[in-house]
C-alpha atoms as a PDB file:
ATOM      1  CA  MET A   1       0.000   0.000   0.000  1.00  0.00           C
ATOM      2  CA  ALA A   2       1.446   3.377  -1.042  1.00  0.00           C
ATOM      3  CA  VAL A   3       1.853   6.033   1.630  1.00  0.00           C
ATOM      4  CA  SER A   4      -0.420   9.030   0.983  1.00  0.00           C
ATOM      5  CA  ARG A   5       1.071  12.378  -0.123  1.00  0.00           C
ATOM      6  CA  SER A   6       4.487  10.739  -0.367  1.00  0.00           C
ATOM      7  CA  THR A   7       6.248  13.889  -1.619  1.00  0.00           C
ATOM      8  CA  ASP A   8       4.922  16.194   1.124  1.00  0.00           C
ATOM      9  CA  PRO A   9       7.514  17.392   3.650  1.00  0.00           C
ATOM     10  CA  VAL A  10       7.603  16.128   7.216  1.00  0.00           C
ATOM     11  CA  THR A  11       9.809  16.999  10.180  1.00  0.00           C
ATOM     12  CA  VAL A  12      11.450  14.029  11.873  1.00  0.00           C
ATOM     13  CA  MET A  13      12.818  14.335  15.412  1.00  0.00           C
ATOM     14  CA  PHE A  14      14.975  11.718  17.131  1.00  0.00           C
ATOM     15  CA  LEU A  15      15.350  11.875  20.916  1.00  0.00           C
ATOM     16  CA  VAL A  16      18.462  10.205  22.311  1.00  0.00           C
ATOM     17  CA  ASP A  17      18.853  10.615  26.068  1.00  0.00           C
ATOM     18  CA  GLN A  18      18.732  14.429  26.492  1.00  0.00           C
ATOM     19  CA  ALA A  19      19.731  15.236  22.898  1.00  0.00           C
ATOM     20  CA  ARG A  20      17.392  16.113  20.011  1.00  0.00           C
ATOM     21  CA  PHE A  21      18.121  15.646  16.328  1.00  0.00           C
ATOM     22  CA  GLU A  22      15.793  17.060  13.637  1.00  0.00           C
ATOM     23  CA  HIS A  23      15.636  16.550   9.891  1.00  0.00           C
ATOM     24  CA  LYS A  24      13.345  17.654   7.052  1.00  0.00           C
ATOM     25  CA  ALA A  25      12.307  14.681   4.936  1.00  0.00           C
ATOM     26  CA  LYS A  26       9.443  13.464   2.757  1.00  0.00           C
ATOM     27  CA  ARG A  27       6.490  11.373   3.895  1.00  0.00           C
ATOM     28  CA  GLY A  28       7.501   8.701   1.396  1.00  0.00           C
ATOM     29  CA  HIS A  29      10.867   8.171   3.084  1.00  0.00           C
ATOM     30  CA  ILE A  30      11.425   5.371   5.573  1.00  0.00           C
ATOM     31  CA  VAL A  31      13.101   5.751   8.971  1.00  0.00           C
ATOM     32  CA  HIS A  32      16.241   4.050   7.649  1.00  0.00           C
ATOM     33  CA  GLU A  33      16.668   6.751   4.999  1.00  0.00           C
ATOM     34  CA  VAL A  34      16.694   9.496   7.615  1.00  0.00           C
ATOM     35  CA  PHE A  35      18.504   8.452  10.780  1.00  0.00           C
ATOM     36  CA  PRO A  36      21.925   7.958   9.071  1.00  0.00           C
ATOM     37  CA  LEU A  37      21.704  11.596   7.934  1.00  0.00           C
ATOM     38  CA  VAL A  38      20.995  13.107  11.351  1.00  0.00           C
ATOM     39  CA  LEU A  39      22.237  10.803  14.100  1.00  0.00           C
ATOM     40  CA  PRO A  40      25.998  10.965  14.822  1.00  0.00           C
ATOM     41  CA  GLU A  41      28.110   7.889  14.148  1.00  0.00           C
ATOM     42  CA  LYS A  42      28.933   7.523  17.844  1.00  0.00           C
ATOM     43  CA  ILE A  43      25.256   6.595  18.278  1.00  0.00           C
ATOM     44  CA  THR A  44      24.754   4.453  15.178  1.00  0.00           C
ATOM     45  CA  VAL A  45      28.058   2.692  14.506  1.00  0.00           C
ATOM     46  CA  GLY A  46      28.544  -0.459  16.580  1.00  0.00           C
ATOM     47  CA  HIS A  47      25.172  -0.127  18.291  1.00  0.00           C
ATOM     48  CA  ARG A  48      21.851  -1.979  18.319  1.00  0.00           C
ATOM     49  CA  LEU A  49      19.255   0.686  17.459  1.00  0.00           C
ATOM     50  CA  THR A  50      15.587   0.591  18.432  1.00  0.00           C
ATOM     51  CA  PHE A  51      12.924   3.251  17.895  1.00  0.00           C
ATOM     52  CA  ARG A  52       9.737   4.045  19.784  1.00  0.00           C
ATOM     53  CA  THR A  53       7.069   6.704  19.553  1.00  0.00           C
ATOM     54  CA  ARG A  54       6.390   9.104  22.424  1.00  0.00           C
ATOM     55  CA  SER A  55       3.553   6.780  23.486  1.00  0.00           C
ATOM     56  CA  GLY A  56       6.012   3.885  23.714  1.00  0.00           C
ATOM     57  CA  ASP A  57       4.986   1.965  20.591  1.00  0.00           C
ATOM     58  CA  GLU A  58       7.866   0.280  18.797  1.00  0.00           C
ATOM     59  CA  VAL A  59       8.462   1.200  15.154  1.00  0.00           C
ATOM     60  CA  PHE A  60      10.980  -0.168  12.697  1.00  0.00           C
ATOM     61  CA  ALA A  61      13.575   1.130  10.293  1.00  0.00           C
ATOM     62  CA  ASP A  62      11.479   0.286   7.221  1.00  0.00           C
ATOM     63  CA  ASN A  63       8.337   2.137   8.379  1.00  0.00           C
ATOM     64  CA  PHE A  64       7.214   5.080   6.254  1.00  0.00           C
ATOM     65  CA  LEU A  65       7.321   8.514   7.845  1.00  0.00           C
ATOM     66  CA  GLY A  66       3.904   9.323   6.385  1.00  0.00           C
ATOM     67  CA  ASP A  67       2.332   6.315   8.075  1.00  0.00           C
ATOM     68  CA  LEU A  68       3.844   7.382  11.389  1.00  0.00           C
ATOM     69  CA  GLU A  69       2.606  10.957  10.987  1.00  0.00           C
ATOM     70  CA  ASP A  70      -0.897   9.794  10.062  1.00  0.00           C
ATOM     71  CA  THR A  71      -1.057   7.397  13.003  1.00  0.00           C
ATOM     72  CA  TYR A  72       0.597   9.454  15.747  1.00  0.00           C
ATOM     73  CA  GLY A  73       0.211  13.056  14.522  1.00  0.00           C
ATOM     74  CA  ASP A  74       3.965  13.641  14.297  1.00  0.00           C
ATOM     75  CA  VAL A  75       7.233  11.820  13.723  1.00  0.00           C
ATOM     76  CA  ILE A  76       9.002  12.111  17.062  1.00  0.00           C
ATOM     77  CA  LEU A  77      10.947   8.976  17.842  1.00  0.00           C
ATOM     78  CA  THR A  78      12.912   7.972  20.890  1.00  0.00           C
ATOM     79  CA  ALA A  79      16.041   6.140  19.795  1.00  0.00           C
ATOM     80  CA  SER A  80      17.820   3.629  21.986  1.00  0.00           C
ATOM     81  CA  ALA A  81      21.422   2.797  21.093  1.00  0.00           C
ATOM     82  CA  VAL A  82      22.921  -0.177  22.917  1.00  0.00           C
ATOM     83  CA  PRO A  83      26.525  -1.123  22.107  1.00  0.00           C
ATOM     84  CA  ILE A  84      26.911  -4.430  20.320  1.00  0.00           C
ATOM     85  CA  VAL A  85      28.969  -6.755  22.496  1.00  0.00           C
ATOM     86  CA  GLY A  86      31.081  -9.050  20.354  1.00  0.00           C
ATOM     87  CA  THR A  87      32.070 -12.099  22.381  1.00  0.00           C
ATOM     88  CA  SER A  88      33.795 -15.165  21.015  1.00  0.00           C
ATOM     89  CA  GLY A  89      31.940 -18.459  21.007  1.00  0.00           C
ATOM     90  CA  PRO A  90      30.483 -21.223  18.806  1.00  0.00           C
ATOM     91  CA  TRP A  91      27.974 -20.284  16.109  1.00  0.00           C
ATOM     92  CA  LYS A  92      26.548 -21.655  12.859  1.00  0.00           C
ATOM     93  CA  THR A  93      24.778 -20.498   9.747  1.00  0.00           C
ATOM     94  CA  ILE A  94      21.265 -21.965   9.933  1.00  0.00           C
ATOM     95  CA  GLY A  95      20.307 -21.819   6.250  1.00  0.00           C
ATOM     96  CA  PHE A  96      18.912 -19.712   3.429  1.00  0.00           C
ATOM     97  CA  ASP A  97      16.518 -17.039   4.769  1.00  0.00           C
ATOM     98  CA  HIS A  98      15.945 -14.594   1.919  1.00  0.00           C
ATOM     99  CA  LEU A  99      17.501 -13.238  -1.255  1.00  0.00           C
ATOM    100  CA  ALA A 100      17.334  -9.485  -1.929  1.00  0.00           C
ATOM    101  CA  ILE A 101      17.750  -8.212  -5.477  1.00  0.00           C
ATOM    102  CA  THR A 102      17.211  -4.977  -7.380  1.00  0.00           C
ATOM    103  CA  VAL A 103      15.182  -5.116 -10.586  1.00  0.00           C
ATOM    104  CA  ALA A 104      14.427  -2.696 -13.403  1.00  0.00           C
ATOM    105  CA  ASP A 105      10.660  -3.357 -13.302  1.00  0.00           C
ATOM    106  CA  ARG A 106       9.502  -4.341  -9.819  1.00  0.00           C
ATOM    107  CA  ASN A 107       5.827  -4.708 -10.768  1.00  0.00           C
ATOM    108  CA  SER A 108       6.707  -7.113 -13.568  1.00  0.00           C
ATOM    109  CA  ALA A 109       9.008  -9.097 -11.267  1.00  0.00           C
ATOM    110  CA  ARG A 110       6.286  -9.274  -8.590  1.00  0.00           C
ATOM    111  CA  ASP A 111       3.735 -10.571 -11.090  1.00  0.00           C
ATOM    112  CA  PHE A 112       6.178 -13.124 -12.502  1.00  0.00           C
ATOM    113  CA  PHE A 113       7.200 -14.608  -9.163  1.00  0.00           C
ATOM    114  CA  ARG A 114       3.555 -14.647  -8.036  1.00  0.00           C
ATOM    115  CA  ASP A 115       1.819 -15.938 -11.177  1.00  0.00           C
ATOM    116  CA  VAL A 116       4.523 -18.139 -12.704  1.00  0.00           C
ATOM    117  CA  VAL A 117       6.697 -19.275  -9.780  1.00  0.00           C
ATOM    118  CA  GLY A 118       3.807 -19.451  -7.301  1.00  0.00           C
ATOM    119  CA  MET A 119       5.166 -17.254  -4.496  1.00  0.00           C
ATOM    120  CA  GLN A 120       2.959 -15.191  -2.156  1.00  0.00           C
ATOM    121  CA  VAL A 121       3.080 -11.391  -2.023  1.00  0.00           C
ATOM    122  CA  MET A 122       3.609 -10.480   1.643  1.00  0.00           C
ATOM    123  CA  ARG A 123       4.423  -6.801   1.156  1.00  0.00           C
ATOM    124  CA  ASP A 124       4.256  -4.480  -1.845  1.00  0.00           C
ATOM    125  CA  ASP A 125       4.817  -0.749  -1.364  1.00  0.00           C
ATOM    126  CA  PRO A 126       7.066   2.012  -2.730  1.00  0.00           C
ATOM    127  CA  HIS A 127       9.999   0.804  -0.642  1.00  0.00           C
ATOM    128  CA  LEU A 128       9.949  -2.959  -1.023  1.00  0.00           C
ATOM    129  CA  THR A 129       8.187  -6.033  -2.384  1.00  0.00           C
ATOM    130  CA  VAL A 130       8.464  -9.235  -0.316  1.00  0.00           C
ATOM    131  CA  MET A 131       7.649 -12.578  -1.938  1.00  0.00           C
ATOM    132  CA  ALA A 132       7.447 -15.675   0.266  1.00  0.00           C
ATOM    133  CA  THR A 133       7.478 -19.408  -0.230  1.00  0.00           C
ATOM    134  CA  GLY A 134       7.567 -21.612   2.846  1.00  0.00           C
ATOM    135  CA  PRO A 135      10.073 -20.250   5.384  1.00  0.00           C
ATOM    136  CA  THR A 136      12.112 -18.269   2.827  1.00  0.00           C
ATOM    137  CA  ALA A 137      11.577 -14.999   0.990  1.00  0.00           C
ATOM    138  CA  LEU A 138      12.634 -12.965  -2.018  1.00  0.00           C
ATOM    139  CA  PHE A 139      13.014  -9.188  -1.510  1.00  0.00           C
ATOM    140  CA  LEU A 140      12.617  -6.970  -4.581  1.00  0.00           C
ATOM    141  CA  PHE A 141      13.987  -3.399  -4.676  1.00  0.00           C
ATOM    142  CA  ASP A 142      14.015  -0.800  -7.456  1.00  0.00           C
ATOM    143  CA  THR A 143      17.141   0.137  -9.385  1.00  0.00           C
ATOM    144  CA  GLU A 144      18.281   3.750  -9.721  1.00  0.00           C
ATOM    145  CA  THR A 145      17.517   4.572  -6.098  1.00  0.00           C
ATOM    146  CA  ASP A 146      19.742   6.322  -3.589  1.00  0.00           C
ATOM    147  CA  ALA A 147      19.010   4.373  -0.423  1.00  0.00           C
ATOM    148  CA  PRO A 148      21.025   3.125   2.555  1.00  0.00           C
ATOM    149  CA  LEU A 149      22.636  -0.240   1.895  1.00  0.00           C
ATOM    150  CA  GLY A 150      21.345   0.035  -1.683  1.00  0.00           C
ATOM    151  CA  THR A 151      22.887  -0.041  -5.129  1.00  0.00           C
ATOM    152  CA  SER A 152      21.681   1.533  -8.344  1.00  0.00           C
ATOM    153  CA  ALA A 153      22.582  -1.508 -10.451  1.00  0.00           C
ATOM    154  CA  ALA A 154      20.396  -4.495 -11.207  1.00  0.00           C
ATOM    155  CA  SER A 155      21.502  -7.610  -9.338  1.00  0.00           C
ATOM    156  CA  LEU A 156      22.883 -10.767 -10.895  1.00  0.00           C
ATOM    157  CA  TRP A 157      22.682 -14.315  -9.601  1.00  0.00           C
ATOM    158  CA  HIS A 158      23.616 -17.678 -11.075  1.00  0.00           C
ATOM    159  CA  HIS A 159      20.191 -19.145 -10.318  1.00  0.00           C
ATOM    160  CA  ILE A 160      17.653 -19.405  -7.534  1.00  0.00           C
ATOM    161  CA  GLY A 161      16.303 -22.847  -6.727  1.00  0.00           C
ATOM    162  CA  PHE A 162      12.778 -23.719  -5.609  1.00  0.00           C
ATOM    163  CA  VAL A 163      11.576 -27.160  -4.500  1.00  0.00           C
ATOM    164  CA  VAL A 164       8.093 -28.170  -5.695  1.00  0.00           C
ATOM    165  CA  ASP A 165       6.008 -31.164  -4.651  1.00  0.00           C
ATOM    166  CA  ASN A 166       5.066 -32.244  -8.184  1.00  0.00           C
ATOM    167  CA  LEU A 167       7.368 -31.302 -11.032  1.00  0.00           C
ATOM    168  CA  GLU A 168       5.035 -32.667 -13.706  1.00  0.00           C
ATOM    169  CA  HIS A 169       2.289 -30.314 -12.548  1.00  0.00           C
ATOM    170  CA  ALA A 170       4.742 -27.442 -12.261  1.00  0.00           C
ATOM    171  CA  TYR A 171       5.916 -28.139 -15.815  1.00  0.00           C
ATOM    172  CA  ALA A 172       2.362 -27.919 -17.133  1.00  0.00           C
ATOM    173  CA  HIS A 173       1.898 -24.650 -15.264  1.00  0.00           C
ATOM    174  CA  LEU A 174       5.075 -23.174 -16.746  1.00  0.00           C
ATOM    175  CA  ARG A 175       3.971 -24.083 -20.253  1.00  0.00           C
ATOM    176  CA  THR A 176       0.917 -21.855 -19.804  1.00  0.00           C
ATOM    177  CA  HIS A 177       3.325 -18.942 -19.194  1.00  0.00           C
ATOM    178  CA  GLU A 178       5.749 -19.610 -22.051  1.00  0.00           C
ATOM    179  CA  SER A 179       5.436 -16.030 -23.305  1.00  0.00           C
ATOM    180  CA  LEU A 180       7.075 -14.793 -20.086  1.00  0.00           C
ATOM    181  CA  LEU A 181      10.025 -17.167 -19.967  1.00  0.00           C
ATOM    182  CA  LYS A 182      12.597 -19.062 -21.995  1.00  0.00           C
ATOM    183  CA  SER A 183      13.348 -22.747 -21.549  1.00  0.00           C
ATOM    184  CA  ASP A 184      13.963 -25.943 -23.456  1.00  0.00           C
ATOM    185  CA  PHE A 185      11.974 -27.684 -20.674  1.00  0.00           C
ATOM    186  CA  THR A 186      14.618 -30.349 -20.148  1.00  0.00           C
ATOM    187  CA  LEU A 187      14.456 -32.240 -16.838  1.00  0.00           C
ATOM    188  CA  LEU A 188      17.906 -33.064 -15.465  1.00  0.00           C
ATOM    189  CA  GLU A 189      18.353 -35.976 -13.080  1.00  0.00           C
ATOM    190  CA  ARG A 190      20.668 -35.748 -10.097  1.00  0.00           C
ATOM    191  CA  ASP A 191      21.313 -38.111  -7.230  1.00  0.00           C
ATOM    192  CA  GLU A 192      18.619 -36.620  -5.006  1.00  0.00           C
ATOM    193  CA  ARG A 193      16.344 -34.714  -7.389  1.00  0.00           C
ATOM    194  CA  TRP A 194      14.961 -33.935 -10.809  1.00  0.00           C
ATOM    195  CA  SER A 195      15.470 -30.334 -11.938  1.00  0.00           C
ATOM    196  CA  LEU A 196      14.025 -28.012 -14.576  1.00  0.00           C
ATOM    197  CA  TYR A 197      15.650 -24.690 -15.444  1.00  0.00           C
ATOM    198  CA  PHE A 198      14.039 -21.701 -17.099  1.00  0.00           C
ATOM    199  CA  PHE A 199      14.864 -18.041 -17.645  1.00  0.00           C
ATOM    200  CA  TYR A 200      12.996 -14.812 -16.853  1.00  0.00           C
ATOM    201  CA  THR A 201      14.064 -11.441 -18.286  1.00  0.00           C
ATOM    202  CA  ASN A 202      13.506  -8.192 -16.361  1.00  0.00           C
ATOM    203  CA  GLY A 203      14.887  -5.089 -18.076  1.00  0.00           C
ATOM    204  CA  ASP A 204      18.448  -5.839 -19.206  1.00  0.00           C
ATOM    205  CA  VAL A 205      18.900  -8.718 -16.723  1.00  0.00           C
ATOM    206  CA  THR A 206      18.043 -12.372 -17.264  1.00  0.00           C
ATOM    207  CA  PHE A 207      17.499 -14.583 -14.208  1.00  0.00           C
ATOM    208  CA  MET A 208      17.863 -18.372 -14.233  1.00  0.00           C
ATOM    209  CA  ILE A 209      15.378 -20.225 -11.993  1.00  0.00           C
ATOM    210  CA  GLN A 210      15.364 -23.880 -11.004  1.00  0.00           C
ATOM    211  CA  PHE A 211      12.334 -25.995 -10.084  1.00  0.00           C
ATOM    212  CA  SER A 212      13.245 -29.292  -8.406  1.00  0.00           C
ATOM    213  CA  GLU A 213      11.344 -32.293  -7.105  1.00  0.00           C
ATOM    214  CA  ILE A 214      13.248 -34.287  -4.497  1.00  0.00           C
ATOM    215  CA  LYS A 215      13.267 -38.070  -4.975  1.00  0.00           C
ATOM    216  CA  LYS A 216      11.494 -40.106  -2.322  1.00  0.00           C
ATOM    217  CA  ARG A 217      14.704 -41.462  -0.818  1.00  0.00           C
ATOM    218  CA  GLY A 218      15.945 -37.899  -0.249  1.00  0.00           C
ATOM    219  CA  LEU A 219      12.804 -36.360   1.274  1.00  0.00           C
ATOM    220  CA  GLY A 220      12.754 -34.808   4.731  1.00  0.00           C
ATOM    221  CA  PHE A 221      15.328 -34.066   7.399  1.00  0.00           C
ATOM    222  CA  THR A 222      17.038 -37.048   8.957  1.00  0.00           C
ATOM    223  CA  THR A 223      19.057 -35.654  11.874  1.00  0.00           C
ATOM    224  CA  ASP A 224      17.951 -33.902  15.055  1.00  0.00           C
ATOM    225  CA  GLU A 225      20.001 -30.851  14.082  1.00  0.00           C
ATOM    226  CA  SER A 226      18.370 -30.516  10.663  1.00  0.00           C
ATOM    227  CA  ARG A 227      14.873 -31.111  12.100  1.00  0.00           C
ATOM    228  CA  GLU A 228      15.397 -28.052  14.296  1.00  0.00           C
ATOM    229  CA  PHE A 229      16.031 -25.900  11.214  1.00  0.00           C
ATOM    230  CA  ALA A 230      12.544 -24.367  11.077  1.00  0.00           C
ATOM    231  CA  GLY A 231      12.706 -23.411  14.743  1.00  0.00           C
ATOM    232  CA  TYR A 232      15.374 -20.809  13.958  1.00  0.00           C
ATOM    233  CA  LEU A 233      13.563 -19.169  11.036  1.00  0.00           C
ATOM    234  CA  TYR A 234      10.911 -16.507  10.605  1.00  0.00           C
ATOM    235  CA  ASP A 235       7.824 -17.637   8.662  1.00  0.00           C
ATOM    236  CA  TYR A 236       7.529 -14.961   5.989  1.00  0.00           C
ATOM    237  CA  ALA A 237       4.252 -16.445   4.755  1.00  0.00           C
ATOM    238  CA  SER A 238       2.589 -16.145   8.168  1.00  0.00           C
ATOM    239  CA  ARG A 239       1.407 -12.531   7.798  1.00  0.00           C
ATOM    240  CA  PRO A 240       2.037  -9.318   5.802  1.00  0.00           C
ATOM    241  CA  TYR A 241       5.640  -8.241   6.165  1.00  0.00           C
ATOM    242  CA  GLY A 242       6.316  -5.191   8.358  1.00  0.00           C
ATOM    243  CA  LEU A 243       4.335  -3.171  10.837  1.00  0.00           C
ATOM    244  CA  VAL A 244       0.816  -2.484   9.482  1.00  0.00           C
ATOM    245  CA  PHE A 245      -0.909   0.793  10.361  1.00  0.00           C
ATOM    246  CA  GLY A 246      -4.495   1.966  10.084  1.00  0.00           C
ATOM    247  CA  GLU A 247      -7.551  -0.231   9.612  1.00  0.00           C
ATOM    248  CA  LYS A 248      -5.508  -3.399   8.985  1.00  0.00           C
ATOM    249  CA  ALA A 249      -3.452  -3.084  12.151  1.00  0.00           C
ATOM    250  CA  GLY A 250      -5.653  -5.447  14.170  1.00  0.00           C
ATOM    251  CA  GLU A 251      -6.106  -8.110  11.499  1.00  0.00           C
ATOM    252  CA  GLU A 252      -3.639 -10.762  12.647  1.00  0.00           C
END
């Protein structure tokens, strides 16, 4: 949902202990686009930042300033900066959580991954589109934007792989969308799976996508450690992504 009057100006104030930091921004900006411009590095660098309204409600870095102004009447945020304590100890990478890419045509990419690949749209606004499938997600951003942690170039990947429960049915579905993709529709056998590759073009970038069906002998997790995998992840498909304001706020 697009924030209303996105180009209108809004004054943002951050309160940190006894200090106040103000900045003129646009309602269509998110908190993350503003605080790096106004808060000193001694507060932001090496710290865990949290933001709350004057009433104590927590807000997040990807919330739109216009939504905050409409909901609370102003954009005055109390910022808490707690130093990040880096202590040595055992750790592990749990698994793939999400892939974030920039695309030339975000609407086209959203429709393709929804209608052809079968992903769910969990968020779609001027800042970000979030597509989910199971416990993982695909984040879509626009190119040619000047945003924190952003790049103006379209992203490249080798391929992104999806597991489906019936590759024959998925193949028939893809054939109904042949005008949107390129493929010789060749199924390749591997030790644990059958795989089908196809290509989707967005602007000047072509993405390779893999649909796989795991063979029966390779299905499921077999160790206690791998069975615990889902317990560490966020379920992107459980609800719309981000903090929802207005009339939808109570619909969970």
